[in-house]
Amino acid sequence: MSNVVVERIDEANANTVEEVAESPKAPVALTKGPPSKTDGTPQKQRLKDSVCIVTGGARGLGYGIALRLAAEGATTVVLIDMNQAELDASASNLEKELQEVLGEETSSTGRTFYGLACDVTDVEKVKDTFRFVASNLSPNNRIDILVQAAGVVGQTNLLTHEVQPDNFDFVMNVNVKGIFNGCHAVLPYMLAQNYGRIVNIASIAGKEGNAGMLAYSTSKAAVIGLTKTIGKEYASKEGSITCNCIAPAVIKTQMVADMPPEQVKYMTDKIPM
């Protein structure tokens, strides 16, 4: 399937996003409201014509969410993560998995998944990347859905007095500032089109507080507060912009696999079933 081979973005072209962003294609008249009706439409088409961005999309929870968005009709799903080679491989694999999910219903409309390397802690790079998506990967200059799954655990299985301040700062920078940067960059697009959906991935640790995970628990509590604030601010605006978060418990991903077994046992022991 040559039409779904994911192109590499070589390190020599690392400034492509910024260069294209400065000279975008002629803007298309923006359609107000959702790209397609969601009431009463088949599940596989309820996101028809939507353009989505998924941070942390190269693996784990973000990878699975990206596949689900496309399976429900999204036209373009952009994966954002740190490693371009990993993003290329993930986007290519997702194209194949999407064909398996849709089976005979797969249309030959070309690529669905794209991968763009971006450091979510750098607000200017996030803005440039989102501008690139809207100007070059979105058929109508829209960004309809943002799912923010990028996150780190940091050092765990430590008491608070053992936590290294620089590691605490690192976790907060990725998990909280990264979420803020994404919301800050995408909301102008959603306001212009009077429609948008933001979903931030928090954690049950943000609600309950997990011993041995001070930085992570603190950061996810901040994500919950940030999401509630944004949701209240834009719910009253004209149009339809929502901001929600999900607070999962333990999900078997590489991030969990990399944690100390004692910390994983502490978390799973709290699950009653």
C-alpha atoms as a PDB file:
ATOM      1  CA  MET A   1       0.000   0.000   0.000  1.00  0.00           C
ATOM      2  CA  SER A   2       2.260   2.740  -1.300  1.00  0.00           C
ATOM      3  CA  ASN A   3      -0.335   5.390  -0.575  1.00  0.00           C
ATOM      4  CA  VAL A   4      -0.093   4.838   3.164  1.00  0.00           C
ATOM      5  CA  VAL A   5       3.669   4.619   3.509  1.00  0.00           C
ATOM      6  CA  VAL A   6       4.593   7.133   6.148  1.00  0.00           C
ATOM      7  CA  GLU A   7       7.213   9.594   5.014  1.00  0.00           C
ATOM      8  CA  ARG A   8      10.220  10.192   7.202  1.00  0.00           C
ATOM      9  CA  ILE A   9      10.974  13.695   8.345  1.00  0.00           C
ATOM     10  CA  ASP A  10      14.767  13.712   8.286  1.00  0.00           C
ATOM     11  CA  GLU A  11      16.768  15.559  10.869  1.00  0.00           C
ATOM     12  CA  ALA A  12      18.110  17.706   8.037  1.00  0.00           C
ATOM     13  CA  ASN A  13      14.575  19.016   7.613  1.00  0.00           C
ATOM     14  CA  ALA A  14      14.007  19.620  11.311  1.00  0.00           C
ATOM     15  CA  ASN A  15      12.936  23.196  10.607  1.00  0.00           C
ATOM     16  CA  THR A  16      10.268  22.174   8.091  1.00  0.00           C
ATOM     17  CA  VAL A  17       7.425  22.876  10.485  1.00  0.00           C
ATOM     18  CA  GLU A  18       8.593  26.389  11.186  1.00  0.00           C
ATOM     19  CA  GLU A  19       9.364  27.125   7.511  1.00  0.00           C
ATOM     20  CA  VAL A  20       5.994  25.945   6.253  1.00  0.00           C
ATOM     21  CA  ALA A  21       4.234  27.675   9.120  1.00  0.00           C
ATOM     22  CA  GLU A  22       5.660  31.003   7.988  1.00  0.00           C
ATOM     23  CA  SER A  23       4.316  30.529   4.443  1.00  0.00           C
ATOM     24  CA  PRO A  24       1.077  28.540   4.786  1.00  0.00           C
ATOM     25  CA  LYS A  25      -1.115  27.642   1.879  1.00  0.00           C
ATOM     26  CA  ALA A  26      -4.035  29.911   1.084  1.00  0.00           C
ATOM     27  CA  PRO A  27      -6.583  29.487   3.881  1.00  0.00           C
ATOM     28  CA  VAL A  28      -9.822  27.708   3.164  1.00  0.00           C
ATOM     29  CA  ALA A  29     -13.032  29.294   4.413  1.00  0.00           C
ATOM     30  CA  LEU A  30     -13.575  27.852   7.870  1.00  0.00           C
ATOM     31  CA  THR A  31     -16.769  25.927   8.453  1.00  0.00           C
ATOM     32  CA  LYS A  32     -18.455  26.860  11.692  1.00  0.00           C
ATOM     33  CA  GLY A  33     -19.554  24.137  14.040  1.00  0.00           C
ATOM     34  CA  PRO A  34     -18.668  20.435  14.074  1.00  0.00           C
ATOM     35  CA  PRO A  35     -17.311  18.942  10.835  1.00  0.00           C
ATOM     36  CA  SER A  36     -20.132  16.394  10.747  1.00  0.00           C
ATOM     37  CA  LYS A  37     -23.224  15.539  12.735  1.00  0.00           C
ATOM     38  CA  THR A  38     -22.680  13.071  15.538  1.00  0.00           C
ATOM     39  CA  ASP A  39     -26.281  12.409  16.514  1.00  0.00           C
ATOM     40  CA  GLY A  40     -27.707   9.219  15.082  1.00  0.00           C
ATOM     41  CA  THR A  41     -24.787   8.517  12.759  1.00  0.00           C
ATOM     42  CA  PRO A  42     -23.107   5.095  12.652  1.00  0.00           C
ATOM     43  CA  GLN A  43     -20.346   4.664  15.213  1.00  0.00           C
ATOM     44  CA  LYS A  44     -17.738   4.233  12.493  1.00  0.00           C
ATOM     45  CA  GLN A  45     -18.670   7.585  10.943  1.00  0.00           C
ATOM     46  CA  ARG A  46     -19.448   9.776  13.941  1.00  0.00           C
ATOM     47  CA  LEU A  47     -16.091  11.580  13.635  1.00  0.00           C
ATOM     48  CA  LYS A  48     -16.294  11.891   9.852  1.00  0.00           C
ATOM     49  CA  ASP A  49     -14.132  14.719   8.456  1.00  0.00           C
ATOM     50  CA  SER A  50     -12.565  15.444  11.866  1.00  0.00           C
ATOM     51  CA  VAL A  51      -8.909  16.426  12.200  1.00  0.00           C
ATOM     52  CA  CYS A  52      -7.334  15.148  15.406  1.00  0.00           C
ATOM     53  CA  ILE A  53      -4.051  15.598  17.262  1.00  0.00           C
ATOM     54  CA  VAL A  54      -2.891  13.014  19.806  1.00  0.00           C
ATOM     55  CA  THR A  55       0.150  13.829  21.927  1.00  0.00           C
ATOM     56  CA  GLY A  56       2.078  10.866  23.251  1.00  0.00           C
ATOM     57  CA  GLY A  57       0.678   9.039  20.230  1.00  0.00           C
ATOM     58  CA  ALA A  58       3.669   6.890  19.318  1.00  0.00           C
ATOM     59  CA  ARG A  59       2.805   4.168  21.842  1.00  0.00           C
ATOM     60  CA  GLY A  60       0.704   3.177  24.812  1.00  0.00           C
ATOM     61  CA  LEU A  61      -2.596   4.866  25.545  1.00  0.00           C
ATOM     62  CA  GLY A  62      -2.114   7.568  22.902  1.00  0.00           C
ATOM     63  CA  TYR A  63      -1.515   4.949  20.210  1.00  0.00           C
ATOM     64  CA  GLY A  64      -4.728   3.110  21.060  1.00  0.00           C
ATOM     65  CA  ILE A  65      -6.735   6.352  21.163  1.00  0.00           C
ATOM     66  CA  ALA A  66      -5.384   7.376  17.765  1.00  0.00           C
ATOM     67  CA  LEU A  67      -6.573   4.087  16.251  1.00  0.00           C
ATOM     68  CA  ARG A  68     -10.026   4.484  17.799  1.00  0.00           C
ATOM     69  CA  LEU A  69     -10.407   8.035  16.460  1.00  0.00           C
ATOM     70  CA  ALA A  70      -9.643   6.861  12.939  1.00  0.00           C
ATOM     71  CA  ALA A  71     -11.898   3.803  13.290  1.00  0.00           C
ATOM     72  CA  GLU A  72     -14.761   6.167  14.105  1.00  0.00           C
ATOM     73  CA  GLY A  73     -14.227   8.209  10.962  1.00  0.00           C
ATOM     74  CA  ALA A  74     -11.552  10.828  11.639  1.00  0.00           C
ATOM     75  CA  THR A  75     -10.000  11.962   8.352  1.00  0.00           C
ATOM     76  CA  THR A  76      -6.614  12.961   9.737  1.00  0.00           C
ATOM     77  CA  VAL A  77      -4.953  11.830  12.968  1.00  0.00           C
ATOM     78  CA  VAL A  78      -1.627  13.475  13.815  1.00  0.00           C
ATOM     79  CA  LEU A  79       0.606  11.725  16.333  1.00  0.00           C
ATOM     80  CA  ILE A  80       2.919  13.926  18.370  1.00  0.00           C
ATOM     81  CA  ASP A  81       5.815  12.515  20.351  1.00  0.00           C
ATOM     82  CA  MET A  82       9.546  13.005  20.820  1.00  0.00           C
ATOM     83  CA  ASN A  83      11.158  10.457  18.476  1.00  0.00           C
ATOM     84  CA  GLN A  84      10.531  10.862  14.740  1.00  0.00           C
ATOM     85  CA  ALA A  85      11.624   7.336  13.826  1.00  0.00           C
ATOM     86  CA  GLU A  86       9.251   5.857  16.403  1.00  0.00           C
ATOM     87  CA  LEU A  87       6.460   8.122  15.143  1.00  0.00           C
ATOM     88  CA  ASP A  88       7.010   7.002  11.550  1.00  0.00           C
ATOM     89  CA  ALA A  89       6.830   3.347  12.560  1.00  0.00           C
ATOM     90  CA  SER A  90       3.732   3.894  14.695  1.00  0.00           C
ATOM     91  CA  ALA A  91       1.905   5.806  11.962  1.00  0.00           C
ATOM     92  CA  SER A  92       2.686   3.082   9.437  1.00  0.00           C
ATOM     93  CA  ASN A  93       1.531   0.340  11.819  1.00  0.00           C
ATOM     94  CA  LEU A  94      -1.659   2.248  12.591  1.00  0.00           C
ATOM     95  CA  GLU A  95      -2.525   2.433   8.892  1.00  0.00           C
ATOM     96  CA  LYS A  96      -2.301  -1.357   8.718  1.00  0.00           C
ATOM     97  CA  GLU A  97      -4.281  -1.847  11.932  1.00  0.00           C
ATOM     98  CA  LEU A  98      -6.972   0.521  10.698  1.00  0.00           C
ATOM     99  CA  GLN A  99      -7.424  -1.613   7.589  1.00  0.00           C
ATOM    100  CA  GLU A 100      -7.811  -4.680   9.793  1.00  0.00           C
ATOM    101  CA  VAL A 101     -10.383  -2.921  11.980  1.00  0.00           C
ATOM    102  CA  LEU A 102     -12.462  -1.615   9.087  1.00  0.00           C
ATOM    103  CA  GLY A 103     -12.011  -4.631   6.836  1.00  0.00           C
ATOM    104  CA  GLU A 104     -13.958  -4.354   3.610  1.00  0.00           C
ATOM    105  CA  GLU A 105     -15.236  -0.932   4.648  1.00  0.00           C
ATOM    106  CA  THR A 106     -11.778   0.583   4.216  1.00  0.00           C
ATOM    107  CA  SER A 107     -11.764   3.312   1.608  1.00  0.00           C
ATOM    108  CA  SER A 108      -8.745   4.065  -0.544  1.00  0.00           C
ATOM    109  CA  THR A 109      -8.653   7.754   0.312  1.00  0.00           C
ATOM    110  CA  GLY A 110      -4.956   7.760   1.229  1.00  0.00           C
ATOM    111  CA  ARG A 111      -3.161   8.374   4.472  1.00  0.00           C
ATOM    112  CA  THR A 112      -4.894   8.886   7.801  1.00  0.00           C
ATOM    113  CA  PHE A 113      -1.973   8.969  10.255  1.00  0.00           C
ATOM    114  CA  TYR A 114       0.926  11.407  10.364  1.00  0.00           C
ATOM    115  CA  GLY A 115       3.752  11.695  12.870  1.00  0.00           C
ATOM    116  CA  LEU A 116       5.385  14.952  13.953  1.00  0.00           C
ATOM    117  CA  ALA A 117       8.174  15.162  16.512  1.00  0.00           C
ATOM    118  CA  CYS A 118       7.604  17.961  19.014  1.00  0.00           C
ATOM    119  CA  ASP A 119       8.653  18.745  22.578  1.00  0.00           C
ATOM    120  CA  VAL A 120       5.358  19.517  24.317  1.00  0.00           C
ATOM    121  CA  THR A 121       7.169  21.488  27.019  1.00  0.00           C
ATOM    122  CA  ASP A 122       8.194  24.144  24.461  1.00  0.00           C
ATOM    123  CA  VAL A 123       5.162  26.343  23.835  1.00  0.00           C
ATOM    124  CA  GLU A 124       6.539  27.907  20.644  1.00  0.00           C
ATOM    125  CA  LYS A 125       7.289  24.515  19.110  1.00  0.00           C
ATOM    126  CA  VAL A 126       3.798  23.340  20.043  1.00  0.00           C
ATOM    127  CA  LYS A 127       2.262  26.397  18.365  1.00  0.00           C
ATOM    128  CA  ASP A 128       4.387  25.896  15.245  1.00  0.00           C
ATOM    129  CA  THR A 129       3.425  22.227  15.058  1.00  0.00           C
ATOM    130  CA  PHE A 130      -0.287  22.922  15.438  1.00  0.00           C
ATOM    131  CA  ARG A 131      -0.021  25.663  12.800  1.00  0.00           C
ATOM    132  CA  PHE A 132       1.653  23.170  10.467  1.00  0.00           C
ATOM    133  CA  VAL A 133      -1.182  20.689  11.046  1.00  0.00           C
ATOM    134  CA  ALA A 134      -3.882  23.263  10.336  1.00  0.00           C
ATOM    135  CA  SER A 135      -2.147  24.685   7.267  1.00  0.00           C
ATOM    136  CA  ASN A 136      -0.774  21.530   5.664  1.00  0.00           C
ATOM    137  CA  LEU A 137      -2.423  18.367   6.990  1.00  0.00           C
ATOM    138  CA  SER A 138      -5.983  19.573   7.581  1.00  0.00           C
ATOM    139  CA  PRO A 139      -8.106  19.758   4.419  1.00  0.00           C
ATOM    140  CA  ASN A 140     -10.061  22.700   5.850  1.00  0.00           C
ATOM    141  CA  ASN A 141      -7.616  24.391   8.246  1.00  0.00           C
ATOM    142  CA  ARG A 142      -9.447  22.937  11.254  1.00  0.00           C
ATOM    143  CA  ILE A 143      -8.247  21.187  14.388  1.00  0.00           C
ATOM    144  CA  ASP A 144     -11.325  19.509  15.817  1.00  0.00           C
ATOM    145  CA  ILE A 145     -10.023  17.172  18.519  1.00  0.00           C
ATOM    146  CA  LEU A 146      -6.987  17.288  20.798  1.00  0.00           C
ATOM    147  CA  VAL A 147      -6.175  14.312  23.010  1.00  0.00           C
ATOM    148  CA  GLN A 148      -3.201  14.863  25.325  1.00  0.00           C
ATOM    149  CA  ALA A 149      -1.665  11.575  26.428  1.00  0.00           C
ATOM    150  CA  ALA A 150       1.974  12.685  26.585  1.00  0.00           C
ATOM    151  CA  GLY A 151       3.316  12.189  30.083  1.00  0.00           C
ATOM    152  CA  VAL A 152       6.092  10.806  32.249  1.00  0.00           C
ATOM    153  CA  VAL A 153       6.125   9.021  35.610  1.00  0.00           C
ATOM    154  CA  GLY A 154       9.498  10.185  36.861  1.00  0.00           C
ATOM    155  CA  GLN A 155      11.273   8.523  39.753  1.00  0.00           C
ATOM    156  CA  THR A 156       8.937   6.399  41.887  1.00  0.00           C
ATOM    157  CA  ASN A 157       8.963   4.148  44.951  1.00  0.00           C
ATOM    158  CA  LEU A 158      10.425   7.056  46.922  1.00  0.00           C
ATOM    159  CA  LEU A 159       9.318   8.893  50.049  1.00  0.00           C
ATOM    160  CA  THR A 160       8.855  12.630  49.708  1.00  0.00           C
ATOM    161  CA  HIS A 161      12.148  13.504  51.446  1.00  0.00           C
ATOM    162  CA  GLU A 162      13.946  11.258  48.932  1.00  0.00           C
ATOM    163  CA  VAL A 163      12.512  12.946  45.836  1.00  0.00           C
ATOM    164  CA  GLN A 164      15.041  14.887  43.777  1.00  0.00           C
ATOM    165  CA  PRO A 165      13.817  18.465  43.112  1.00  0.00           C
ATOM    166  CA  ASP A 166      15.043  18.398  39.506  1.00  0.00           C
ATOM    167  CA  ASN A 167      13.065  15.219  38.824  1.00  0.00           C
ATOM    168  CA  PHE A 168       9.969  16.777  40.397  1.00  0.00           C
ATOM    169  CA  ASP A 169      10.403  19.781  38.080  1.00  0.00           C
ATOM    170  CA  PHE A 170      10.843  17.477  35.072  1.00  0.00           C
ATOM    171  CA  VAL A 171       7.586  15.619  35.751  1.00  0.00           C
ATOM    172  CA  MET A 172       5.623  18.821  36.341  1.00  0.00           C
ATOM    173  CA  ASN A 173       7.068  20.378  33.193  1.00  0.00           C
ATOM    174  CA  VAL A 174       5.963  17.508  30.939  1.00  0.00           C
ATOM    175  CA  ASN A 175       2.696  16.538  32.624  1.00  0.00           C
ATOM    176  CA  VAL A 176       1.340  19.972  33.510  1.00  0.00           C
ATOM    177  CA  LYS A 177       3.050  22.569  31.360  1.00  0.00           C
ATOM    178  CA  GLY A 178       2.812  20.234  28.369  1.00  0.00           C
ATOM    179  CA  ILE A 179      -0.961  19.976  28.836  1.00  0.00           C
ATOM    180  CA  PHE A 180      -1.268  23.751  29.221  1.00  0.00           C
ATOM    181  CA  ASN A 181       0.803  24.347  26.092  1.00  0.00           C
ATOM    182  CA  GLY A 182      -1.456  22.098  24.026  1.00  0.00           C
ATOM    183  CA  CYS A 183      -4.639  23.768  25.252  1.00  0.00           C
ATOM    184  CA  HIS A 184      -3.127  27.217  24.789  1.00  0.00           C
ATOM    185  CA  ALA A 185      -2.173  26.412  21.190  1.00  0.00           C
ATOM    186  CA  VAL A 186      -5.387  24.686  20.073  1.00  0.00           C
ATOM    187  CA  LEU A 187      -8.070  26.901  21.607  1.00  0.00           C
ATOM    188  CA  PRO A 188      -7.720  29.752  19.050  1.00  0.00           C
ATOM    189  CA  TYR A 189      -8.548  27.268  16.263  1.00  0.00           C
ATOM    190  CA  MET A 190     -11.522  25.915  18.173  1.00  0.00           C
ATOM    191  CA  LEU A 191     -12.805  29.403  18.949  1.00  0.00           C
ATOM    192  CA  ALA A 192     -12.554  30.392  15.269  1.00  0.00           C
ATOM    193  CA  GLN A 193     -14.613  27.371  14.195  1.00  0.00           C
ATOM    194  CA  ASN A 194     -16.972  27.453  17.206  1.00  0.00           C
ATOM    195  CA  TYR A 195     -16.267  23.805  17.889  1.00  0.00           C
ATOM    196  CA  GLY A 196     -13.658  21.640  19.581  1.00  0.00           C
ATOM    197  CA  ARG A 197     -13.048  18.702  21.845  1.00  0.00           C
ATOM    198  CA  ILE A 198     -10.109  18.525  24.269  1.00  0.00           C
ATOM    199  CA  VAL A 199      -9.456  15.364  26.273  1.00  0.00           C
ATOM    200  CA  ASN A 200      -6.586  15.386  28.774  1.00  0.00           C
ATOM    201  CA  ILE A 201      -5.254  12.157  30.250  1.00  0.00           C
ATOM    202  CA  ALA A 202      -4.948  12.493  34.024  1.00  0.00           C
ATOM    203  CA  SER A 203      -4.767   9.544  36.447  1.00  0.00           C
ATOM    204  CA  ILE A 204      -6.490   8.071  39.458  1.00  0.00           C
ATOM    205  CA  ALA A 205      -3.241   9.039  41.222  1.00  0.00           C
ATOM    206  CA  GLY A 206      -4.293  12.657  40.760  1.00  0.00           C
ATOM    207  CA  LYS A 207      -7.498  11.991  42.673  1.00  0.00           C
ATOM    208  CA  GLU A 208      -6.244   9.614  45.353  1.00  0.00           C
ATOM    209  CA  GLY A 209      -2.524  10.353  45.647  1.00  0.00           C
ATOM    210  CA  ASN A 210      -0.231   7.348  45.328  1.00  0.00           C
ATOM    211  CA  ALA A 211       2.428   6.870  47.994  1.00  0.00           C
ATOM    212  CA  GLY A 212       5.858   6.702  46.409  1.00  0.00           C
ATOM    213  CA  MET A 213       4.712   8.795  43.441  1.00  0.00           C
ATOM    214  CA  LEU A 214       4.752  12.357  44.753  1.00  0.00           C
ATOM    215  CA  ALA A 215       5.646  14.147  41.521  1.00  0.00           C
ATOM    216  CA  TYR A 216       3.344  12.080  39.321  1.00  0.00           C
ATOM    217  CA  SER A 217       0.375  12.305  41.692  1.00  0.00           C
ATOM    218  CA  THR A 218       0.852  16.053  42.099  1.00  0.00           C
ATOM    219  CA  SER A 219       1.091  16.609  38.356  1.00  0.00           C
ATOM    220  CA  LYS A 220      -2.052  14.625  37.595  1.00  0.00           C
ATOM    221  CA  ALA A 221      -3.995  16.472  40.301  1.00  0.00           C
ATOM    222  CA  ALA A 222      -2.928  19.676  38.549  1.00  0.00           C
ATOM    223  CA  VAL A 223      -4.176  18.309  35.212  1.00  0.00           C
ATOM    224  CA  ILE A 224      -7.589  17.649  36.748  1.00  0.00           C
ATOM    225  CA  GLY A 225      -7.783  21.211  38.096  1.00  0.00           C
ATOM    226  CA  LEU A 226      -6.568  22.696  34.820  1.00  0.00           C
ATOM    227  CA  THR A 227      -9.151  20.700  32.855  1.00  0.00           C
ATOM    228  CA  LYS A 228     -12.019  21.739  35.109  1.00  0.00           C
ATOM    229  CA  THR A 229     -11.041  25.398  34.767  1.00  0.00           C
ATOM    230  CA  ILE A 230     -10.835  25.285  30.966  1.00  0.00           C
ATOM    231  CA  GLY A 231     -14.077  23.349  30.756  1.00  0.00           C
ATOM    232  CA  LYS A 232     -15.914  26.002  32.766  1.00  0.00           C
ATOM    233  CA  GLU A 233     -14.337  28.906  30.889  1.00  0.00           C
ATOM    234  CA  TYR A 234     -15.314  27.746  27.417  1.00  0.00           C
ATOM    235  CA  ALA A 235     -18.597  25.982  28.111  1.00  0.00           C
ATOM    236  CA  SER A 236     -20.275  29.385  28.283  1.00  0.00           C
ATOM    237  CA  LYS A 237     -18.771  30.609  25.011  1.00  0.00           C
ATOM    238  CA  GLU A 238     -20.726  30.689  21.770  1.00  0.00           C
ATOM    239  CA  GLY A 239     -20.423  27.404  19.922  1.00  0.00           C
ATOM    240  CA  SER A 240     -19.446  24.051  21.329  1.00  0.00           C
ATOM    241  CA  ILE A 241     -16.032  23.647  22.958  1.00  0.00           C
ATOM    242  CA  THR A 242     -15.593  21.091  25.706  1.00  0.00           C
ATOM    243  CA  CYS A 243     -12.591  20.109  27.813  1.00  0.00           C
ATOM    244  CA  ASN A 244     -12.625  16.902  29.837  1.00  0.00           C
ATOM    245  CA  CYS A 245     -10.113  14.542  31.364  1.00  0.00           C
ATOM    246  CA  ILE A 246      -9.865  10.818  31.961  1.00  0.00           C
ATOM    247  CA  ALA A 247      -8.349   9.440  35.170  1.00  0.00           C
ATOM    248  CA  PRO A 248      -7.344   5.823  34.462  1.00  0.00           C
ATOM    249  CA  ALA A 249      -5.962   3.380  37.002  1.00  0.00           C
ATOM    250  CA  VAL A 250      -3.146   1.026  35.977  1.00  0.00           C
ATOM    251  CA  ILE A 251      -2.996   0.255  32.262  1.00  0.00           C
ATOM    252  CA  LYS A 252      -0.433  -2.219  30.994  1.00  0.00           C
ATOM    253  CA  THR A 253       1.790   0.052  28.896  1.00  0.00           C
ATOM    254  CA  GLN A 254       5.542   0.435  28.502  1.00  0.00           C
ATOM    255  CA  MET A 255       5.459   3.298  30.992  1.00  0.00           C
ATOM    256  CA  VAL A 256       4.122   0.952  33.685  1.00  0.00           C
ATOM    257  CA  ALA A 257       6.519  -1.810  32.626  1.00  0.00           C
ATOM    258  CA  ASP A 258       9.435   0.559  33.273  1.00  0.00           C
ATOM    259  CA  MET A 259       8.347   1.248  36.866  1.00  0.00           C
ATOM    260  CA  PRO A 260       9.745  -0.608  39.902  1.00  0.00           C
ATOM    261  CA  PRO A 261       7.739  -3.818  40.544  1.00  0.00           C
ATOM    262  CA  GLU A 262       7.085  -2.731  44.139  1.00  0.00           C
ATOM    263  CA  GLN A 263       5.396   0.451  42.962  1.00  0.00           C
ATOM    264  CA  VAL A 264       3.261  -1.423  40.409  1.00  0.00           C
ATOM    265  CA  LYS A 265       2.202  -3.909  43.094  1.00  0.00           C
ATOM    266  CA  TYR A 266       1.187  -1.070  45.399  1.00  0.00           C
ATOM    267  CA  MET A 267      -1.066   0.328  42.668  1.00  0.00           C
ATOM    268  CA  THR A 268      -2.597  -2.936  41.512  1.00  0.00           C
ATOM    269  CA  ASP A 269      -3.242  -4.115  45.076  1.00  0.00           C
ATOM    270  CA  LYS A 270      -5.693  -1.224  45.447  1.00  0.00           C
ATOM    271  CA  ILE A 271      -7.841  -2.524  42.590  1.00  0.00           C
ATOM    272  CA  PRO A 272     -10.633  -4.657  44.125  1.00  0.00           C
ATOM    273  CA  MET A 273     -11.328  -6.752  41.018  1.00  0.00           C
END
